[in-house]
PDB file of N, CA and C in Angstrom:
ATOM      1  N   MET A   1     -59.790  75.444  50.548  1.00  0.00           N
ATOM      2  CA  MET A   1     -58.524  75.840  50.014  1.00  0.00           C
ATOM      3  C   MET A   1     -58.744  75.872  48.406  1.00  0.00           C
ATOM      4  N   ARG A   2     -57.935  76.822  47.848  1.00  0.00           N
ATOM      5  CA  ARG A   2     -57.926  76.961  46.319  1.00  0.00           C
ATOM      6  C   ARG A   2     -56.787  76.172  45.792  1.00  0.00           C
ATOM      7  N   THR A   3     -57.017  75.701  44.717  1.00  0.00           N
ATOM      8  CA  THR A   3     -55.955  74.920  43.746  1.00  0.00           C
ATOM      9  C   THR A   3     -55.489  75.697  42.652  1.00  0.00           C
ATOM     10  N   ALA A   4     -54.707  75.634  42.128  1.00  0.00           N
ATOM     11  CA  ALA A   4     -54.125  76.082  41.062  1.00  0.00           C
ATOM     12  C   ALA A   4     -54.498  75.421  39.639  1.00  0.00           C
ATOM     13  N   ASN A   5     -55.178  76.159  38.687  1.00  0.00           N
ATOM     14  CA  ASN A   5     -55.663  75.533  37.698  1.00  0.00           C
ATOM     15  C   ASN A   5     -54.616  75.856  36.389  1.00  0.00           C
ATOM     16  N   ILE A   6     -53.397  75.765  36.483  1.00  0.00           N
ATOM     17  CA  ILE A   6     -52.314  76.008  35.656  1.00  0.00           C
ATOM     18  C   ILE A   6     -51.764  74.833  35.164  1.00  0.00           C
ATOM     19  N   SER A   7     -51.646  74.647  33.896  1.00  0.00           N
ATOM     20  CA  SER A   7     -51.080  73.389  33.467  1.00  0.00           C
ATOM     21  C   SER A   7     -49.367  73.208  33.479  1.00  0.00           C
ATOM     22  N   LEU A   8     -49.017  72.161  33.488  1.00  0.00           N
ATOM     23  CA  LEU A   8     -47.214  72.095  33.240  1.00  0.00           C
ATOM     24  C   LEU A   8     -46.744  72.897  32.090  1.00  0.00           C
ATOM     25  N   GLN A   9     -47.791  72.749  30.819  1.00  0.00           N
ATOM     26  CA  GLN A   9     -47.198  73.428  29.734  1.00  0.00           C
ATOM     27  C   GLN A   9     -47.228  74.976  30.003  1.00  0.00           C
ATOM     28  N   GLU A  10     -48.236  75.383  30.521  1.00  0.00           N
ATOM     29  CA  GLU A  10     -48.088  76.840  30.842  1.00  0.00           C
ATOM     30  C   GLU A  10     -47.023  77.447  31.731  1.00  0.00           C
ATOM     31  N   ILE A  11     -46.744  76.339  32.567  1.00  0.00           N
ATOM     32  CA  ILE A  11     -45.653  76.934  33.316  1.00  0.00           C
ATOM     33  C   ILE A  11     -44.364  76.886  32.629  1.00  0.00           C
ATOM     34  N   PHE A  12     -44.208  75.754  31.715  1.00  0.00           N
ATOM     35  CA  PHE A  12     -43.089  75.721  30.860  1.00  0.00           C
ATOM     36  C   PHE A  12     -43.010  76.857  29.634  1.00  0.00           C
ATOM     37  N   ASN A  13     -44.163  77.246  29.197  1.00  0.00           N
ATOM     38  CA  ASN A  13     -44.229  78.486  28.205  1.00  0.00           C
ATOM     39  C   ASN A  13     -43.841  79.702  29.047  1.00  0.00           C
ATOM     40  N   GLU A  14     -43.736  79.890  30.328  1.00  0.00           N
ATOM     41  CA  GLU A  14     -43.480  81.180  31.021  1.00  0.00           C
ATOM     42  C   GLU A  14     -41.811  81.149  31.048  1.00  0.00           C
ATOM     43  N   ILE A  15     -41.339  80.132  30.786  1.00  0.00           N
ATOM     44  CA  ILE A  15     -39.796  80.044  30.851  1.00  0.00           C
ATOM     45  C   ILE A  15     -39.340  80.596  29.512  1.00  0.00           C
ATOM     46  N   PRO A  16     -38.487  81.746  29.630  1.00  0.00           N
ATOM     47  CA  PRO A  16     -38.165  82.305  28.428  1.00  0.00           C
ATOM     48  C   PRO A  16     -37.088  81.210  27.314  1.00  0.00           C
ATOM     49  N   GLN A  17     -37.453  81.444  26.129  1.00  0.00           N
ATOM     50  CA  GLN A  17     -36.903  80.514  25.233  1.00  0.00           C
ATOM     51  C   GLN A  17     -35.241  80.436  25.437  1.00  0.00           C
ATOM     52  N   ASP A  18     -34.404  81.488  25.407  1.00  0.00           N
ATOM     53  CA  ASP A  18     -33.300  81.568  25.799  1.00  0.00           C
ATOM     54  C   ASP A  18     -32.704  80.615  27.062  1.00  0.00           C
ATOM     55  N   LYS A  19     -33.548  80.598  28.147  1.00  0.00           N
ATOM     56  CA  LYS A  19     -33.275  79.796  29.168  1.00  0.00           C
ATOM     57  C   LYS A  19     -33.616  78.341  29.069  1.00  0.00           C
ATOM     58  N   ARG A  20     -34.501  78.155  28.233  1.00  0.00           N
ATOM     59  CA  ARG A  20     -34.810  76.658  27.808  1.00  0.00           C
ATOM     60  C   ARG A  20     -33.782  76.163  26.995  1.00  0.00           C
ATOM     61  N   GLU A  21     -33.184  77.021  25.829  1.00  0.00           N
ATOM     62  CA  GLU A  21     -32.093  76.585  25.162  1.00  0.00           C
ATOM     63  C   GLU A  21     -30.938  76.413  26.015  1.00  0.00           C
ATOM     64  N   GLU A  22     -30.697  77.208  26.864  1.00  0.00           N
ATOM     65  CA  GLU A  22     -29.478  77.164  27.790  1.00  0.00           C
ATOM     66  C   GLU A  22     -29.426  75.774  28.592  1.00  0.00           C
ATOM     67  N   SER A  23     -30.581  75.473  29.135  1.00  0.00           N
ATOM     68  CA  SER A  23     -30.646  74.126  29.699  1.00  0.00           C
ATOM     69  C   SER A  23     -30.672  72.858  28.962  1.00  0.00           C
ATOM     70  N   ARG A  24     -31.343  73.046  27.657  1.00  0.00           N
ATOM     71  CA  ARG A  24     -31.037  71.867  26.473  1.00  0.00           C
ATOM     72  C   ARG A  24     -29.557  71.573  26.424  1.00  0.00           C
ATOM     73  N   LEU A  25     -28.730  72.817  25.876  1.00  0.00           N
ATOM     74  CA  LEU A  25     -27.379  72.634  25.731  1.00  0.00           C
ATOM     75  C   LEU A  25     -26.718  72.223  26.870  1.00  0.00           C
ATOM     76  N   SER A  26     -26.856  72.629  27.992  1.00  0.00           N
ATOM     77  CA  SER A  26     -26.199  72.147  29.344  1.00  0.00           C
ATOM     78  C   SER A  26     -26.336  70.557  29.578  1.00  0.00           C
ATOM     79  N   PHE A  27     -27.528  70.243  29.362  1.00  0.00           N
ATOM     80  CA  PHE A  27     -27.890  68.616  29.499  1.00  0.00           C
ATOM     81  C   PHE A  27     -27.177  67.842  28.164  1.00  0.00           C
ATOM     82  N   ALA A  28     -27.105  68.568  27.223  1.00  0.00           N
ATOM     83  CA  ALA A  28     -26.506  67.872  26.151  1.00  0.00           C
ATOM     84  C   ALA A  28     -25.103  67.418  26.306  1.00  0.00           C
ATOM     85  N   ILE A  29     -24.445  68.708  26.767  1.00  0.00           N
ATOM     86  CA  ILE A  29     -22.905  68.655  27.076  1.00  0.00           C
ATOM     87  C   ILE A  29     -22.682  67.328  28.358  1.00  0.00           C
ATOM     88  N   SER A  30     -23.526  67.433  29.169  1.00  0.00           N
ATOM     89  CA  SER A  30     -23.485  66.431  30.316  1.00  0.00           C
ATOM     90  C   SER A  30     -23.645  64.978  29.755  1.00  0.00           C
ATOM     91  N   ASN A  31     -24.453  64.849  28.853  1.00  0.00           N
ATOM     92  CA  ASN A  31     -24.896  63.506  28.340  1.00  0.00           C
ATOM     93  C   ASN A  31     -23.717  63.261  27.516  1.00  0.00           C
ATOM     94  N   ARG A  32     -23.237  64.229  26.663  1.00  0.00           N
ATOM     95  CA  ARG A  32     -21.984  63.969  25.814  1.00  0.00           C
ATOM     96  C   ARG A  32     -20.798  63.400  26.774  1.00  0.00           C
ATOM     97  N   LEU A  33     -20.483  64.066  27.741  1.00  0.00           N
ATOM     98  CA  LEU A  33     -19.454  63.725  28.595  1.00  0.00           C
ATOM     99  C   LEU A  33     -19.638  62.298  29.224  1.00  0.00           C
ATOM    100  N   ASP A  34     -20.779  62.079  29.741  1.00  0.00           N
ATOM    101  CA  ASP A  34     -21.253  60.584  30.236  1.00  0.00           C
ATOM    102  C   ASP A  34     -20.790  59.603  29.170  1.00  0.00           C
ATOM    103  N   ALA A  35     -21.463  59.722  27.888  1.00  0.00           N
ATOM    104  CA  ALA A  35     -21.184  58.810  26.823  1.00  0.00           C
ATOM    105  C   ALA A  35     -19.671  58.828  26.437  1.00  0.00           C
ATOM    106  N   LEU A  36     -18.947  59.690  26.502  1.00  0.00           N
ATOM    107  CA  LEU A  36     -17.466  59.556  26.194  1.00  0.00           C
ATOM    108  C   LEU A  36     -16.618  58.941  27.313  1.00  0.00           C
ATOM    109  N   MET A  37     -17.013  59.146  28.814  1.00  0.00           N
ATOM    110  CA  MET A  37     -16.716  58.357  29.681  1.00  0.00           C
ATOM    111  C   MET A  37     -16.829  56.903  29.543  1.00  0.00           C
ATOM    112  N   ARG A  38     -18.005  56.529  29.434  1.00  0.00           N
ATOM    113  CA  ARG A  38     -18.406  55.109  29.252  1.00  0.00           C
ATOM    114  C   ARG A  38     -17.654  54.451  28.101  1.00  0.00           C
ATOM    115  N   GLU A  39     -17.503  55.116  26.947  1.00  0.00           N
ATOM    116  CA  GLU A  39     -16.734  54.682  25.926  1.00  0.00           C
ATOM    117  C   GLU A  39     -15.258  54.403  26.197  1.00  0.00           C
ATOM    118  N   LYS A  40     -14.634  55.169  27.120  1.00  0.00           N
ATOM    119  CA  LYS A  40     -13.343  55.125  27.664  1.00  0.00           C
ATOM    120  C   LYS A  40     -13.273  54.000  28.704  1.00  0.00           C
ATOM    121  N   GLY A  41     -14.428  53.787  29.470  1.00  0.00           N
ATOM    122  CA  GLY A  41     -14.562  52.691  30.464  1.00  0.00           C
ATOM    123  C   GLY A  41     -13.986  53.589  31.834  1.00  0.00           C
ATOM    124  N   LEU A  42     -14.287  54.654  31.690  1.00  0.00           N
ATOM    125  CA  LEU A  42     -13.863  55.640  32.982  1.00  0.00           C
ATOM    126  C   LEU A  42     -15.175  55.676  33.793  1.00  0.00           C
ATOM    127  N   ASN A  43     -14.946  55.498  35.325  1.00  0.00           N
ATOM    128  CA  ASN A  43     -16.109  56.103  35.979  1.00  0.00           C
ATOM    129  C   ASN A  43     -15.624  57.519  36.471  1.00  0.00           C
ATOM    130  N   LYS A  44     -16.555  58.006  37.175  1.00  0.00           N
ATOM    131  CA  LYS A  44     -16.130  59.467  37.755  1.00  0.00           C
ATOM    132  C   LYS A  44     -14.903  59.644  38.344  1.00  0.00           C
ATOM    133  N   LYS A  45     -14.438  58.759  39.283  1.00  0.00           N
ATOM    134  CA  LYS A  45     -13.329  58.939  40.102  1.00  0.00           C
ATOM    135  C   LYS A  45     -11.925  58.710  39.048  1.00  0.00           C
ATOM    136  N   GLN A  46     -11.987  57.859  38.140  1.00  0.00           N
ATOM    137  CA  GLN A  46     -10.914  57.793  37.287  1.00  0.00           C
ATOM    138  C   GLN A  46     -10.844  58.890  36.204  1.00  0.00           C
ATOM    139  N   PHE A  47     -12.010  59.440  35.858  1.00  0.00           N
ATOM    140  CA  PHE A  47     -11.844  60.502  34.986  1.00  0.00           C
ATOM    141  C   PHE A  47     -11.416  61.873  35.702  1.00  0.00           C
ATOM    142  N   ALA A  48     -11.730  61.986  37.029  1.00  0.00           N
ATOM    143  CA  ALA A  48     -11.197  63.103  37.664  1.00  0.00           C
ATOM    144  C   ALA A  48      -9.755  62.912  38.096  1.00  0.00           C
ATOM    145  N   GLN A  49      -9.239  61.815  38.303  1.00  0.00           N
ATOM    146  CA  GLN A  49      -7.903  61.417  38.407  1.00  0.00           C
ATOM    147  C   GLN A  49      -6.995  61.741  37.186  1.00  0.00           C
ATOM    148  N   ALA A  50      -7.647  61.331  36.257  1.00  0.00           N
ATOM    149  CA  ALA A  50      -6.984  61.614  34.692  1.00  0.00           C
ATOM    150  C   ALA A  50      -6.799  63.069  34.380  1.00  0.00           C
ATOM    151  N   LEU A  51      -7.732  63.992  34.832  1.00  0.00           N
ATOM    152  CA  LEU A  51      -7.991  65.214  34.596  1.00  0.00           C
ATOM    153  C   LEU A  51      -7.171  66.021  35.660  1.00  0.00           C
ATOM    154  N   GLY A  52      -6.834  65.522  36.899  1.00  0.00           N
ATOM    155  CA  GLY A  52      -6.354  66.368  37.792  1.00  0.00           C
ATOM    156  C   GLY A  52      -7.383  67.221  38.623  1.00  0.00           C
ATOM    157  N   LYS A  53      -8.683  66.774  38.600  1.00  0.00           N
ATOM    158  CA  LYS A  53      -9.830  67.302  39.072  1.00  0.00           C
ATOM    159  C   LYS A  53     -10.231  66.250  40.357  1.00  0.00           C
ATOM    160  N   ARG A  54     -11.358  66.947  41.118  1.00  0.00           N
ATOM    161  CA  ARG A  54     -11.782  66.088  42.361  1.00  0.00           C
ATOM    162  C   ARG A  54     -12.992  65.537  41.821  1.00  0.00           C
ATOM    163  N   PRO A  55     -13.447  64.299  42.229  1.00  0.00           N
ATOM    164  CA  PRO A  55     -14.676  63.775  41.545  1.00  0.00           C
ATOM    165  C   PRO A  55     -15.962  64.729  41.843  1.00  0.00           C
ATOM    166  N   ASN A  56     -15.912  65.396  42.831  1.00  0.00           N
ATOM    167  CA  ASN A  56     -17.276  66.183  43.071  1.00  0.00           C
ATOM    168  C   ASN A  56     -17.304  67.510  41.790  1.00  0.00           C
ATOM    169  N   GLU A  57     -16.189  67.716  41.374  1.00  0.00           N
ATOM    170  CA  GLU A  57     -16.267  68.620  40.261  1.00  0.00           C
ATOM    171  C   GLU A  57     -17.011  67.695  38.864  1.00  0.00           C
ATOM    172  N   ILE A  58     -16.519  66.639  38.894  1.00  0.00           N
ATOM    173  CA  ILE A  58     -17.010  65.849  37.589  1.00  0.00           C
ATOM    174  C   ILE A  58     -18.311  65.647  37.947  1.00  0.00           C
ATOM    175  N   THR A  59     -18.930  65.321  39.254  1.00  0.00           N
ATOM    176  CA  THR A  59     -20.346  65.213  39.589  1.00  0.00           C
ATOM    177  C   THR A  59     -21.174  66.529  39.021  1.00  0.00           C
ATOM    178  N   ARG A  60     -20.485  67.605  39.309  1.00  0.00           N
ATOM    179  CA  ARG A  60     -21.094  68.967  38.734  1.00  0.00           C
ATOM    180  C   ARG A  60     -21.118  68.904  37.297  1.00  0.00           C
ATOM    181  N   TRP A  61     -20.108  68.557  36.790  1.00  0.00           N
ATOM    182  CA  TRP A  61     -20.282  68.569  35.081  1.00  0.00           C
ATOM    183  C   TRP A  61     -21.387  67.682  34.675  1.00  0.00           C
ATOM    184  N   LEU A  62     -21.344  66.370  35.291  1.00  0.00           N
ATOM    185  CA  LEU A  62     -22.492  65.685  34.840  1.00  0.00           C
ATOM    186  C   LEU A  62     -24.049  65.921  35.352  1.00  0.00           C
ATOM    187  N   SER A  63     -24.103  66.938  35.975  1.00  0.00           N
ATOM    188  CA  SER A  63     -25.368  67.259  36.686  1.00  0.00           C
ATOM    189  C   SER A  63     -26.379  67.810  35.406  1.00  0.00           C
ATOM    190  N   GLY A  64     -25.625  68.535  34.497  1.00  0.00           N
ATOM    191  CA  GLY A  64     -26.310  69.269  33.660  1.00  0.00           C
ATOM    192  C   GLY A  64     -26.492  70.683  34.000  1.00  0.00           C
ATOM    193  N   GLU A  65     -25.994  71.077  35.161  1.00  0.00           N
ATOM    194  CA  GLU A  65     -26.170  72.369  35.605  1.00  0.00           C
ATOM    195  C   GLU A  65     -24.839  73.363  35.410  1.00  0.00           C
ATOM    196  N   HIS A  66     -24.061  72.589  35.093  1.00  0.00           N
ATOM    197  CA  HIS A  66     -22.562  73.406  35.232  1.00  0.00           C
ATOM    198  C   HIS A  66     -22.461  74.332  33.892  1.00  0.00           C
ATOM    199  N   ASN A  67     -21.801  75.442  34.094  1.00  0.00           N
ATOM    200  CA  ASN A  67     -21.808  76.617  32.928  1.00  0.00           C
ATOM    201  C   ASN A  67     -20.151  76.234  32.440  1.00  0.00           C
ATOM    202  N   PHE A  68     -19.925  75.517  31.314  1.00  0.00           N
ATOM    203  CA  PHE A  68     -18.571  75.315  31.211  1.00  0.00           C
ATOM    204  C   PHE A  68     -17.913  76.457  30.330  1.00  0.00           C
ATOM    205  N   THR A  69     -16.624  76.615  30.475  1.00  0.00           N
ATOM    206  CA  THR A  69     -15.981  77.688  29.949  1.00  0.00           C
ATOM    207  C   THR A  69     -15.537  77.054  28.544  1.00  0.00           C
ATOM    208  N   ILE A  70     -15.103  77.850  27.579  1.00  0.00           N
ATOM    209  CA  ILE A  70     -14.517  77.289  26.235  1.00  0.00           C
ATOM    210  C   ILE A  70     -13.370  76.563  26.654  1.00  0.00           C
ATOM    211  N   ALA A  71     -12.455  76.937  27.581  1.00  0.00           N
ATOM    212  CA  ALA A  71     -11.197  76.484  28.065  1.00  0.00           C
ATOM    213  C   ALA A  71     -11.598  75.016  28.327  1.00  0.00           C
ATOM    214  N   THR A  72     -12.310  74.979  29.313  1.00  0.00           N
ATOM    215  CA  THR A  72     -12.718  73.509  29.954  1.00  0.00           C
ATOM    216  C   THR A  72     -13.137  72.559  28.737  1.00  0.00           C
ATOM    217  N   LEU A  73     -14.191  73.129  27.892  1.00  0.00           N
ATOM    218  CA  LEU A  73     -14.440  72.503  26.665  1.00  0.00           C
ATOM    219  C   LEU A  73     -13.456  71.981  25.735  1.00  0.00           C
ATOM    220  N   ALA A  74     -12.499  72.871  25.650  1.00  0.00           N
ATOM    221  CA  ALA A  74     -11.174  72.544  24.635  1.00  0.00           C
ATOM    222  C   ALA A  74     -10.389  71.547  25.481  1.00  0.00           C
ATOM    223  N   MET A  75     -10.166  71.623  26.617  1.00  0.00           N
ATOM    224  CA  MET A  75      -9.372  70.673  27.370  1.00  0.00           C
ATOM    225  C   MET A  75     -10.216  69.274  27.285  1.00  0.00           C
ATOM    226  N   LEU A  76     -11.472  69.278  27.649  1.00  0.00           N
ATOM    227  CA  LEU A  76     -12.198  67.984  27.437  1.00  0.00           C
ATOM    228  C   LEU A  76     -12.222  67.445  25.942  1.00  0.00           C
ATOM    229  N   SER A  77     -12.230  68.293  24.877  1.00  0.00           N
ATOM    230  CA  SER A  77     -12.262  67.660  23.640  1.00  0.00           C
ATOM    231  C   SER A  77     -10.964  67.074  23.336  1.00  0.00           C
ATOM    232  N   THR A  78      -9.794  67.739  23.878  1.00  0.00           N
ATOM    233  CA  THR A  78      -8.287  67.289  23.580  1.00  0.00           C
ATOM    234  C   THR A  78      -8.060  65.966  24.539  1.00  0.00           C
ATOM    235  N   PHE A  79      -8.714  65.594  25.762  1.00  0.00           N
ATOM    236  CA  PHE A  79      -8.643  64.629  26.539  1.00  0.00           C
ATOM    237  C   PHE A  79      -9.233  63.347  25.694  1.00  0.00           C
ATOM    238  N   PHE A  80     -10.476  63.620  25.072  1.00  0.00           N
ATOM    239  CA  PHE A  80     -11.179  62.577  24.556  1.00  0.00           C
ATOM    240  C   PHE A  80     -10.875  62.280  22.891  1.00  0.00           C
ATOM    241  N   GLY A  81     -10.203  63.414  22.555  1.00  0.00           N
ATOM    242  CA  GLY A  81      -9.801  63.104  21.101  1.00  0.00           C
ATOM    243  C   GLY A  81     -10.987  63.426  20.100  1.00  0.00           C
ATOM    244  N   GLN A  82     -11.811  64.045  20.642  1.00  0.00           N
ATOM    245  CA  GLN A  82     -13.038  64.364  19.694  1.00  0.00           C
ATOM    246  C   GLN A  82     -13.981  65.642  20.226  1.00  0.00           C
ATOM    247  N   PRO A  83     -14.883  66.102  19.482  1.00  0.00           N
ATOM    248  CA  PRO A  83     -15.378  67.388  20.045  1.00  0.00           C
ATOM    249  C   PRO A  83     -16.347  67.026  21.094  1.00  0.00           C
ATOM    250  N   ILE A  84     -16.589  67.892  22.048  1.00  0.00           N
ATOM    251  CA  ILE A  84     -17.655  67.777  22.934  1.00  0.00           C
ATOM    252  C   ILE A  84     -18.962  68.451  22.416  1.00  0.00           C
ATOM    253  N   ILE A  85     -18.775  69.613  21.800  1.00  0.00           N
ATOM    254  CA  ILE A  85     -19.642  70.312  21.158  1.00  0.00           C
ATOM    255  C   ILE A  85     -19.138  70.701  19.547  1.00  0.00           C
ATOM    256  N   SER A  86     -20.192  70.894  18.678  1.00  0.00           N
ATOM    257  CA  SER A  86     -19.799  71.298  17.396  1.00  0.00           C
ATOM    258  C   SER A  86     -20.549  72.868  17.173  1.00  0.00           C
ATOM    259  N   VAL A  87     -19.686  73.606  16.536  1.00  0.00           N
ATOM    260  CA  VAL A  87     -20.401  74.875  16.046  1.00  0.00           C
ATOM    261  C   VAL A  87     -20.478  74.957  14.655  1.00  0.00           C
ATOM    262  N   LYS A  88     -21.546  75.247  13.990  1.00  0.00           N
ATOM    263  CA  LYS A  88     -21.726  75.158  12.387  1.00  0.00           C
ATOM    264  C   LYS A  88     -21.812  76.724  11.952  1.00  0.00           C
TER     265      LYS A  88
END
């Protein structure tokens, strides 16, 4: 049986830079939402109810794999009273 002699770094380097940045930003947004929910003392169910969403949608948001629209980010910024992301 043959084994692969490719390192994890080599695999990582094959991922295009824009895709790596997309993943980094997605996880940064989900981490920010999680932190803001904790600050407000909200669990997923409470957060979903406050926004009129289903809990499984909040789970997707927090997974780091959701592709947020600008409208959703604006709604979340308004809900929390502070920015979810900042653009310089």
